[in-house]
Amino acid sequence: MSVALDVKGLEASVETKQILDGLDLEIPFGEVHAIMGPNGSGKSTFCHVLTGMEGYQVSGRARLEGQDLLSLEVDERARLGLLQSFQYPTEVPGVHLREFLIEAADERGMEEADALDRIETEAKRFDMTRFLDRSLNNDLSGGEKKRSEIFQMAVLRPKVALLDEIDSGLDIDAVKQVAEAVEEMRSPHLAVVLITHYNRILKYLSPDRIHVMIDGKIVDSGGTELAEELEAGGYEGVRSRLGLKKPEAEVKPKPSDFFTETPFDL
């Protein structure tokens, strides 16, 4: 099975703050990999760096089907086949979902007739037909917005899909619906990166691999047993098992530190 996403030694920082610290990850086509980690572990930064968000100092390697990502502009990465769903999809008044997808498909190099056919077919599969002529994400529930994101990916057929906390803010019924939609999107020509804090969505889908991210790197990988360990002992339990020390907390300066000399005689 060929490799879709190949990441090696990926580092990212903002000014002097290191966020990603030598991250390694390899995902074959046809597989769904879940990345789990606590707040501040670098999960969303990983997505931002791959898609080309500005503001990061980046080094290391990231390739999509053997082609370098880090040297490309944001739009070039999308045309290459990298797409991301968002934690909080934005409403776009006045732009209908159908129109949006026709324009996006054109950017991906699809013929309009093929795009229209895909839109109709996938809309039925993901129960999105009733939303096609409504403004993008307008008056949709949280679960409907997340399902719409997956529907859009199914139409555009990326090579690598980044699902950044696709389950955040959803009730249990919506989580189940979104998980089912992710399973529906599976394809031999697609690799999926599913980023999440919790294992509840993993109860409704079957990732091929689970990775634990702590302090900006993948510290462990495995199957469903990892999710069960996290459910039982949390991320601190994984830290303890692997012998990982917590990074030293930033020491806030005391008021007296601002003076080079004692401001009064003792």
Protein backbone atom coordinates (compact mmCIF):
# COMPACT_ATOMS: atom_id res chain seq x y z
CA MET A 1 0.00 0.00 0.00
CA SER A 2 1.57 3.33 -1.07
CA VAL A 3 2.21 6.19 1.35
CA ALA A 4 -0.09 9.21 1.15
CA LEU A 5 1.36 11.43 3.88
CA ASP A 6 4.99 11.20 5.00
CA VAL A 7 6.16 13.49 7.81
CA LYS A 8 9.67 13.29 9.27
CA GLY A 9 11.35 15.45 11.92
CA LEU A 10 8.71 18.18 11.60
CA GLU A 11 9.36 21.15 13.85
CA ALA A 12 7.35 24.34 14.24
CA SER A 13 7.69 27.33 16.51
CA VAL A 14 6.21 30.77 17.02
CA GLU A 15 8.93 33.26 17.95
CA THR A 16 10.80 31.42 20.75
CA LYS A 17 8.03 28.93 21.63
CA GLN A 18 8.55 25.42 20.28
CA ILE A 19 5.25 23.69 19.42
CA LEU A 20 6.13 20.74 17.18
CA ASP A 21 9.32 18.97 18.22
CA GLY A 22 10.54 16.43 15.69
CA LEU A 23 7.18 14.90 14.75
CA ASP A 24 7.22 11.72 12.64
CA LEU A 25 4.13 10.25 10.97
CA GLU A 26 3.39 8.03 7.96
CA ILE A 27 -0.11 7.29 6.67
CA PRO A 28 -0.84 4.97 3.72
CA PHE A 29 -3.67 5.48 1.27
CA GLY A 30 -6.90 3.79 2.32
CA GLU A 31 -6.34 4.23 6.06
CA VAL A 32 -7.84 6.38 8.82
CA HIS A 33 -5.37 7.40 11.53
CA ALA A 34 -6.48 9.09 14.76
CA ILE A 35 -4.19 11.52 16.58
CA MET A 36 -5.10 12.00 20.23
CA GLY A 37 -3.52 14.41 22.66
CA PRO A 38 -4.20 16.89 25.45
CA ASN A 39 -4.74 20.61 24.97
CA GLY A 40 -1.56 22.34 23.89
CA SER A 41 0.09 19.20 22.54
CA GLY A 42 0.38 20.63 18.99
CA LYS A 43 -2.45 18.78 17.21
CA SER A 44 -4.03 21.82 15.55
CA THR A 45 -0.61 23.35 14.86
CA PHE A 46 0.22 20.16 12.95
CA CYS A 47 -2.78 20.80 10.67
CA HIS A 48 -1.92 24.49 10.31
CA VAL A 49 1.67 23.73 9.31
CA LEU A 50 0.64 21.11 6.75
CA THR A 51 -1.91 23.44 5.13
CA GLY A 52 0.49 26.40 5.08
CA MET A 53 -0.83 28.82 7.68
CA GLU A 54 1.51 31.77 8.09
CA GLY A 55 3.25 32.71 11.33
CA TYR A 56 5.24 29.54 12.02
CA GLN A 57 8.94 28.87 11.65
CA VAL A 58 8.97 25.37 10.15
CA SER A 59 11.66 22.78 9.43
CA GLY A 60 11.69 19.08 8.66
CA ARG A 61 9.87 17.14 5.96
CA ALA A 62 6.24 16.77 4.91
CA ARG A 63 5.35 15.02 1.64
CA LEU A 64 2.05 14.21 -0.02
CA GLU A 65 2.42 11.18 -2.29
CA GLY A 66 6.14 11.91 -2.48
CA GLN A 67 5.79 15.61 -3.30
CA ASP A 68 7.12 18.25 -0.93
CA LEU A 69 4.40 20.26 0.81
CA LEU A 70 6.38 22.79 2.81
CA SER A 71 7.71 24.65 -0.24
CA LEU A 72 4.22 25.18 -1.69
CA GLU A 73 1.69 27.99 -1.21
CA VAL A 74 -1.65 27.25 0.48
CA ASP A 75 -3.61 26.99 -2.78
CA GLU A 76 -0.94 24.75 -4.33
CA ARG A 77 -1.19 22.34 -1.39
CA ALA A 78 -4.97 22.18 -1.85
CA ARG A 79 -4.64 21.51 -5.58
CA LEU A 80 -2.13 18.77 -4.80
CA GLY A 81 -4.84 17.02 -2.79
CA LEU A 82 -4.65 18.26 0.81
CA LEU A 83 -7.88 19.46 2.43
CA GLN A 84 -8.78 20.32 6.02
CA SER A 85 -12.08 20.44 7.85
CA PHE A 86 -12.41 22.92 10.67
CA GLN A 87 -13.43 22.80 14.31
CA TYR A 88 -15.80 25.71 13.78
CA PRO A 89 -17.02 25.91 10.15
CA THR A 90 -17.81 29.48 9.14
CA GLU A 91 -21.19 30.63 7.84
CA VAL A 92 -20.97 32.39 4.46
CA PRO A 93 -24.22 34.30 3.76
CA GLY A 94 -25.15 34.63 0.10
CA VAL A 95 -22.92 31.79 -1.14
CA HIS A 96 -24.91 28.61 -1.71
CA LEU A 97 -23.30 25.28 -0.91
CA ARG A 98 -23.80 24.06 -4.49
CA GLU A 99 -22.17 27.20 -5.94
CA PHE A 100 -19.28 26.94 -3.50
CA LEU A 101 -18.58 23.34 -4.49
CA ILE A 102 -18.76 24.09 -8.22
CA GLU A 103 -16.12 26.81 -7.78
CA ALA A 104 -13.96 24.59 -5.56
CA ALA A 105 -14.23 21.70 -8.02
CA ASP A 106 -13.16 24.01 -10.84
CA GLU A 107 -10.04 24.91 -8.83
CA ARG A 108 -9.37 21.18 -8.44
CA GLY A 109 -9.48 20.86 -12.24
CA MET A 110 -12.84 19.07 -12.55
CA GLU A 111 -15.19 19.52 -15.47
CA GLU A 112 -18.42 21.23 -14.38
CA ALA A 113 -20.60 18.31 -15.57
CA ASP A 114 -18.53 15.88 -13.49
CA ALA A 115 -18.68 18.21 -10.49
CA LEU A 116 -22.47 18.53 -10.71
CA ASP A 117 -22.83 14.76 -10.94
CA ARG A 118 -20.61 14.24 -7.90
CA ILE A 119 -22.50 16.89 -5.93
CA GLU A 120 -25.85 15.24 -6.55
CA THR A 121 -24.55 11.73 -5.86
CA GLU A 122 -22.68 12.58 -2.66
CA ALA A 123 -25.48 14.84 -1.41
CA LYS A 124 -27.81 11.85 -1.41
CA ARG A 125 -25.22 9.67 0.32
CA PHE A 126 -24.59 12.22 3.08
CA ASP A 127 -28.17 13.54 3.32
CA MET A 128 -27.15 17.03 2.20
CA THR A 129 -29.51 17.56 -0.76
CA ARG A 130 -31.77 19.89 1.25
CA PHE A 131 -28.82 22.17 2.02
CA LEU A 132 -27.40 22.56 -1.52
CA ASP A 133 -29.30 25.78 -2.30
CA ARG A 134 -28.88 27.26 1.17
CA SER A 135 -26.08 29.65 2.13
CA LEU A 136 -22.97 27.79 3.25
CA ASN A 137 -23.46 26.55 6.85
CA ASN A 138 -26.34 28.96 7.40
CA ASP A 139 -28.67 27.79 10.22
CA LEU A 140 -27.07 24.34 10.32
CA SER A 141 -26.62 22.56 13.62
CA GLY A 142 -23.13 21.64 14.80
CA GLY A 143 -23.50 18.09 13.57
CA GLU A 144 -24.88 19.21 10.19
CA LYS A 145 -21.93 21.59 9.70
CA LYS A 146 -19.43 18.82 10.40
CA ARG A 147 -21.28 16.41 8.10
CA SER A 148 -21.29 19.13 5.43
CA GLU A 149 -17.49 19.38 5.72
CA ILE A 150 -17.15 15.66 5.10
CA PHE A 151 -19.65 15.83 2.22
CA GLN A 152 -17.54 18.59 0.62
CA MET A 153 -14.45 16.41 0.88
CA ALA A 154 -16.30 13.49 -0.67
CA VAL A 155 -17.14 15.69 -3.66
CA LEU A 156 -13.64 17.17 -4.01
CA ARG A 157 -11.88 13.84 -3.40
CA PRO A 158 -8.63 14.94 -1.76
CA LYS A 159 -5.70 12.58 -1.32
CA VAL A 160 -5.24 13.53 2.35
CA ALA A 161 -8.08 14.79 4.57
CA LEU A 162 -7.27 16.52 7.86
CA LEU A 163 -10.23 16.35 10.25
CA ASP A 164 -9.31 18.75 13.06
CA GLU A 165 -11.49 17.93 16.09
CA ILE A 166 -14.43 17.06 13.88
CA ASP A 167 -16.27 15.88 17.02
CA SER A 168 -15.80 19.03 19.12
CA GLY A 169 -18.96 20.64 20.48
CA LEU A 170 -21.25 17.82 19.35
CA ASP A 171 -23.77 15.82 21.36
CA ILE A 172 -23.55 12.04 21.32
CA ASP A 173 -26.05 11.59 18.46
CA ALA A 174 -24.16 14.08 16.26
CA VAL A 175 -20.83 12.41 17.09
CA LYS A 176 -22.27 9.10 15.91
CA GLN A 177 -23.54 10.67 12.68
CA VAL A 178 -20.20 12.31 11.96
CA ALA A 179 -18.33 9.08 12.69
CA GLU A 180 -20.58 7.22 10.26
CA ALA A 181 -19.89 9.93 7.66
CA VAL A 182 -16.14 9.49 8.11
CA GLU A 183 -16.51 5.75 7.54
CA GLU A 184 -18.60 6.48 4.44
CA MET A 185 -15.75 8.63 3.10
CA ARG A 186 -13.21 5.77 3.24
CA SER A 187 -11.50 5.13 -0.08
CA PRO A 188 -8.37 3.35 -1.37
CA HIS A 189 -7.35 6.73 -2.80
CA LEU A 190 -7.68 8.70 0.44
CA ALA A 191 -5.78 8.95 3.72
CA VAL A 192 -7.59 10.48 6.70
CA VAL A 193 -6.01 12.16 9.74
CA LEU A 194 -8.60 12.39 12.51
CA ILE A 195 -7.58 14.67 15.37
CA THR A 196 -9.45 14.45 18.67
CA HIS A 197 -9.14 14.94 22.42
CA TYR A 198 -11.44 12.09 23.41
CA ASN A 199 -12.08 8.51 22.42
CA ARG A 200 -15.87 8.84 22.22
CA ILE A 201 -15.86 9.21 18.41
CA LEU A 202 -13.64 6.12 18.18
CA LYS A 203 -16.52 4.06 19.60
CA TYR A 204 -18.39 4.61 16.33
CA LEU A 205 -15.59 4.21 13.77
CA SER A 206 -12.57 1.95 13.37
CA PRO A 207 -9.29 3.80 12.83
CA ASP A 208 -6.49 1.71 11.39
CA ARG A 209 -4.00 3.30 13.76
CA ILE A 210 -4.07 5.52 16.84
CA HIS A 211 -1.25 7.93 17.67
CA VAL A 212 -0.71 9.80 20.92
CA MET A 213 0.76 13.29 20.62
CA ILE A 214 2.35 14.89 23.69
CA ASP A 215 4.62 17.94 23.77
CA GLY A 216 4.70 18.30 20.01
CA LYS A 217 5.65 14.78 18.97
CA ILE A 218 4.11 11.35 18.45
CA VAL A 219 5.11 9.43 21.58
CA ASP A 220 3.19 6.18 21.02
CA SER A 221 1.18 4.40 18.33
CA GLY A 222 -1.05 1.36 18.38
CA GLY A 223 -4.59 0.07 18.07
CA THR A 224 -7.76 0.46 20.09
CA GLU A 225 -5.89 -0.57 23.24
CA LEU A 226 -4.31 2.90 23.27
CA ALA A 227 -7.70 4.59 23.33
CA GLU A 228 -8.77 2.29 26.14
CA GLU A 229 -5.61 3.16 28.11
CA LEU A 230 -6.34 6.86 27.68
CA GLU A 231 -9.91 6.34 28.82
CA ALA A 232 -8.67 4.60 31.97
CA GLY A 233 -5.61 6.63 32.92
CA GLY A 234 -5.60 9.79 30.82
CA TYR A 235 -2.54 11.34 29.21
CA GLU A 236 -0.70 11.43 32.53
CA GLY A 237 -0.90 7.65 32.59
CA VAL A 238 0.82 7.50 29.19
CA ARG A 239 3.46 9.96 30.38
CA SER A 240 4.14 7.77 33.40
CA ARG A 241 4.34 4.53 31.37
CA LEU A 242 6.75 6.06 28.86
CA GLY A 243 8.79 7.91 31.48
CA LEU A 244 8.08 11.31 29.91
CA LYS A 245 8.83 14.33 32.04
CA LYS A 246 6.58 17.36 31.91
CA PRO A 247 8.27 20.34 30.27
CA GLU A 248 9.43 22.93 32.74
CA ALA A 249 6.78 25.55 33.34
CA GLU A 250 7.63 29.06 32.25
CA VAL A 251 8.75 31.02 35.28
CA LYS A 252 6.96 34.35 35.53
CA PRO A 253 9.24 37.23 36.60
CA LYS A 254 8.80 38.73 40.05
CA PRO A 255 8.34 42.50 40.29
CA SER A 256 11.83 42.78 41.77
CA ASP A 257 13.32 41.16 38.66
CA PHE A 258 12.66 44.34 36.70
CA PHE A 259 15.21 46.21 38.81
CA THR A 260 18.92 45.78 38.15
CA GLU A 261 19.73 47.24 41.52
CA THR A 262 17.88 47.27 44.81
CA PRO A 263 15.66 50.39 44.58
CA PHE A 264 16.12 51.28 48.22
CA ASP A 265 18.66 50.84 50.95
CA LEU A 266 18.24 47.92 53.29
